[in-house]
Amino acid sequence: MGENLIKRLIEFLQGGRMEKGQRQLSWFARTKFGASFIEVLRELESVTWPTKEDVRGSTVVVLITVAVFALYAGLWDLVMTYVDQWLY
């Protein structure tokens, strides 16, 4: 679905009509910004997007990693608080 959407968006932004066998570019496609934007969209066509399962798996890994480091930081803070109170 994504590839088809990107192709349709590129065609829409290039716009224009056929004149003398050549496509007449739209005003947007003739600007530097428009040409760059269309080029970015063309690059996006070649991207291999992750599946839902890949995204879900990566999200779980990130959440677990964040939880472990938060627990580690919290425990370390607690220990250092007790050491600070004991010393001073």
C-alpha atoms as a PDB file:
ATOM      1  CA  MET A   1       0.000   0.000   0.000  1.00  0.00           C
ATOM      2  CA  GLY A   2       2.781   2.441   0.907  1.00  0.00           C
ATOM      3  CA  GLU A   3       4.628   2.038  -2.381  1.00  0.00           C
ATOM      4  CA  ASN A   4       1.481   2.705  -4.384  1.00  0.00           C
ATOM      5  CA  LEU A   5       0.736   5.790  -2.299  1.00  0.00           C
ATOM      6  CA  ILE A   6       4.246   7.178  -2.828  1.00  0.00           C
ATOM      7  CA  LYS A   7       4.069   6.578  -6.586  1.00  0.00           C
ATOM      8  CA  ARG A   8       0.699   8.326  -6.783  1.00  0.00           C
ATOM      9  CA  LEU A   9       2.046  11.240  -4.734  1.00  0.00           C
ATOM     10  CA  ILE A  10       5.054  11.612  -7.049  1.00  0.00           C
ATOM     11  CA  GLU A  11       2.803  11.602 -10.113  1.00  0.00           C
ATOM     12  CA  PHE A  12       0.497  14.153  -8.507  1.00  0.00           C
ATOM     13  CA  LEU A  13       3.349  16.488  -7.514  1.00  0.00           C
ATOM     14  CA  GLN A  14       5.003  16.264 -10.917  1.00  0.00           C
ATOM     15  CA  GLY A  15       1.614  16.975 -12.425  1.00  0.00           C
ATOM     16  CA  GLY A  16       1.508  18.608 -15.754  1.00  0.00           C
ATOM     17  CA  ARG A  17       0.177  17.336 -19.039  1.00  0.00           C
ATOM     18  CA  MET A  18       1.632  15.815 -22.150  1.00  0.00           C
ATOM     19  CA  GLU A  19       2.649  18.370 -24.771  1.00  0.00           C
ATOM     20  CA  LYS A  20       4.429  17.363 -27.963  1.00  0.00           C
ATOM     21  CA  GLY A  21       5.249  13.941 -26.530  1.00  0.00           C
ATOM     22  CA  GLN A  22       6.881  15.343 -23.398  1.00  0.00           C
ATOM     23  CA  ARG A  23       5.428  15.805 -19.958  1.00  0.00           C
ATOM     24  CA  GLN A  24       5.090  19.418 -18.892  1.00  0.00           C
ATOM     25  CA  LEU A  25       6.148  19.606 -15.229  1.00  0.00           C
ATOM     26  CA  SER A  26       4.001  21.402 -12.698  1.00  0.00           C
ATOM     27  CA  TRP A  27       5.213  24.635 -11.129  1.00  0.00           C
ATOM     28  CA  PHE A  28       5.985  22.698  -7.928  1.00  0.00           C
ATOM     29  CA  ALA A  29       8.227  20.194  -9.707  1.00  0.00           C
ATOM     30  CA  ARG A  30      10.119  23.020 -11.420  1.00  0.00           C
ATOM     31  CA  THR A  31      11.162  24.630  -8.116  1.00  0.00           C
ATOM     32  CA  LYS A  32      14.332  23.513  -6.336  1.00  0.00           C
ATOM     33  CA  PHE A  33      12.328  22.559  -3.265  1.00  0.00           C
ATOM     34  CA  GLY A  34       9.801  20.616  -5.331  1.00  0.00           C
ATOM     35  CA  ALA A  35      12.473  18.749  -7.250  1.00  0.00           C
ATOM     36  CA  SER A  36      14.261  17.873  -4.000  1.00  0.00           C
ATOM     37  CA  PHE A  37      11.020  16.757  -2.374  1.00  0.00           C
ATOM     38  CA  ILE A  38      10.143  14.531  -5.330  1.00  0.00           C
ATOM     39  CA  GLU A  39      13.656  13.058  -5.218  1.00  0.00           C
ATOM     40  CA  VAL A  40      13.182  12.242  -1.520  1.00  0.00           C
ATOM     41  CA  LEU A  41       9.921  10.487  -2.369  1.00  0.00           C
ATOM     42  CA  ARG A  42      11.689   8.486  -5.066  1.00  0.00           C
ATOM     43  CA  GLU A  43      14.258   7.378  -2.488  1.00  0.00           C
ATOM     44  CA  LEU A  44      11.432   6.372  -0.148  1.00  0.00           C
ATOM     45  CA  GLU A  45      10.193   3.987  -2.828  1.00  0.00           C
ATOM     46  CA  SER A  46      13.296   1.846  -2.342  1.00  0.00           C
ATOM     47  CA  VAL A  47      12.965   1.649   1.456  1.00  0.00           C
ATOM     48  CA  THR A  48      12.198  -1.765   2.922  1.00  0.00           C
ATOM     49  CA  TRP A  49       9.708  -1.021   5.677  1.00  0.00           C
ATOM     50  CA  PRO A  50       9.534  -3.296   8.751  1.00  0.00           C
ATOM     51  CA  THR A  51       6.519  -5.506   9.336  1.00  0.00           C
ATOM     52  CA  LYS A  52       4.151  -5.004  12.249  1.00  0.00           C
ATOM     53  CA  GLU A  53       5.714  -7.980  14.017  1.00  0.00           C
ATOM     54  CA  ASP A  54       9.211  -6.486  13.646  1.00  0.00           C
ATOM     55  CA  VAL A  55       8.056  -3.134  15.041  1.00  0.00           C
ATOM     56  CA  ARG A  56       6.221  -4.812  17.913  1.00  0.00           C
ATOM     57  CA  GLY A  57       9.267  -6.940  18.777  1.00  0.00           C
ATOM     58  CA  SER A  58      11.615  -3.953  18.686  1.00  0.00           C
ATOM     59  CA  THR A  59       9.235  -1.925  20.846  1.00  0.00           C
ATOM     60  CA  VAL A  60       9.142  -4.675  23.467  1.00  0.00           C
ATOM     61  CA  VAL A  61      12.950  -4.828  23.525  1.00  0.00           C
ATOM     62  CA  VAL A  62      13.198  -1.058  23.956  1.00  0.00           C
ATOM     63  CA  LEU A  63      10.595  -0.969  26.743  1.00  0.00           C
ATOM     64  CA  ILE A  64      12.290  -3.801  28.638  1.00  0.00           C
ATOM     65  CA  THR A  65      15.700  -2.146  28.253  1.00  0.00           C
ATOM     66  CA  VAL A  66      14.359   1.198  29.501  1.00  0.00           C
ATOM     67  CA  ALA A  67      12.701  -0.509  32.482  1.00  0.00           C
ATOM     68  CA  VAL A  68      15.910  -2.350  33.411  1.00  0.00           C
ATOM     69  CA  PHE A  69      18.023   0.797  33.236  1.00  0.00           C
ATOM     70  CA  ALA A  70      15.416   2.792  35.176  1.00  0.00           C
ATOM     71  CA  LEU A  71      15.423   0.124  37.883  1.00  0.00           C
ATOM     72  CA  TYR A  72      19.224   0.137  37.940  1.00  0.00           C
ATOM     73  CA  ALA A  73      19.365   3.952  38.192  1.00  0.00           C
ATOM     74  CA  GLY A  74      16.690   3.987  40.899  1.00  0.00           C
ATOM     75  CA  LEU A  75      18.458   1.356  43.000  1.00  0.00           C
ATOM     76  CA  TRP A  76      21.800   3.066  42.568  1.00  0.00           C
ATOM     77  CA  ASP A  77      20.238   6.365  43.671  1.00  0.00           C
ATOM     78  CA  LEU A  78      18.720   4.653  46.711  1.00  0.00           C
ATOM     79  CA  VAL A  79      22.059   3.100  47.688  1.00  0.00           C
ATOM     80  CA  MET A  80      23.897   6.389  47.251  1.00  0.00           C
ATOM     81  CA  THR A  81      21.247   8.175  49.349  1.00  0.00           C
ATOM     82  CA  TYR A  82      21.801   5.719  52.215  1.00  0.00           C
ATOM     83  CA  VAL A  83      25.583   6.042  51.882  1.00  0.00           C
ATOM     84  CA  ASP A  84      25.271   9.840  51.899  1.00  0.00           C
ATOM     85  CA  GLN A  85      23.080   9.784  55.029  1.00  0.00           C
ATOM     86  CA  TRP A  86      25.443   7.342  56.731  1.00  0.00           C
ATOM     87  CA  LEU A  87      28.544   9.460  55.984  1.00  0.00           C
ATOM     88  CA  TYR A  88      27.100  12.883  56.801  1.00  0.00           C
END
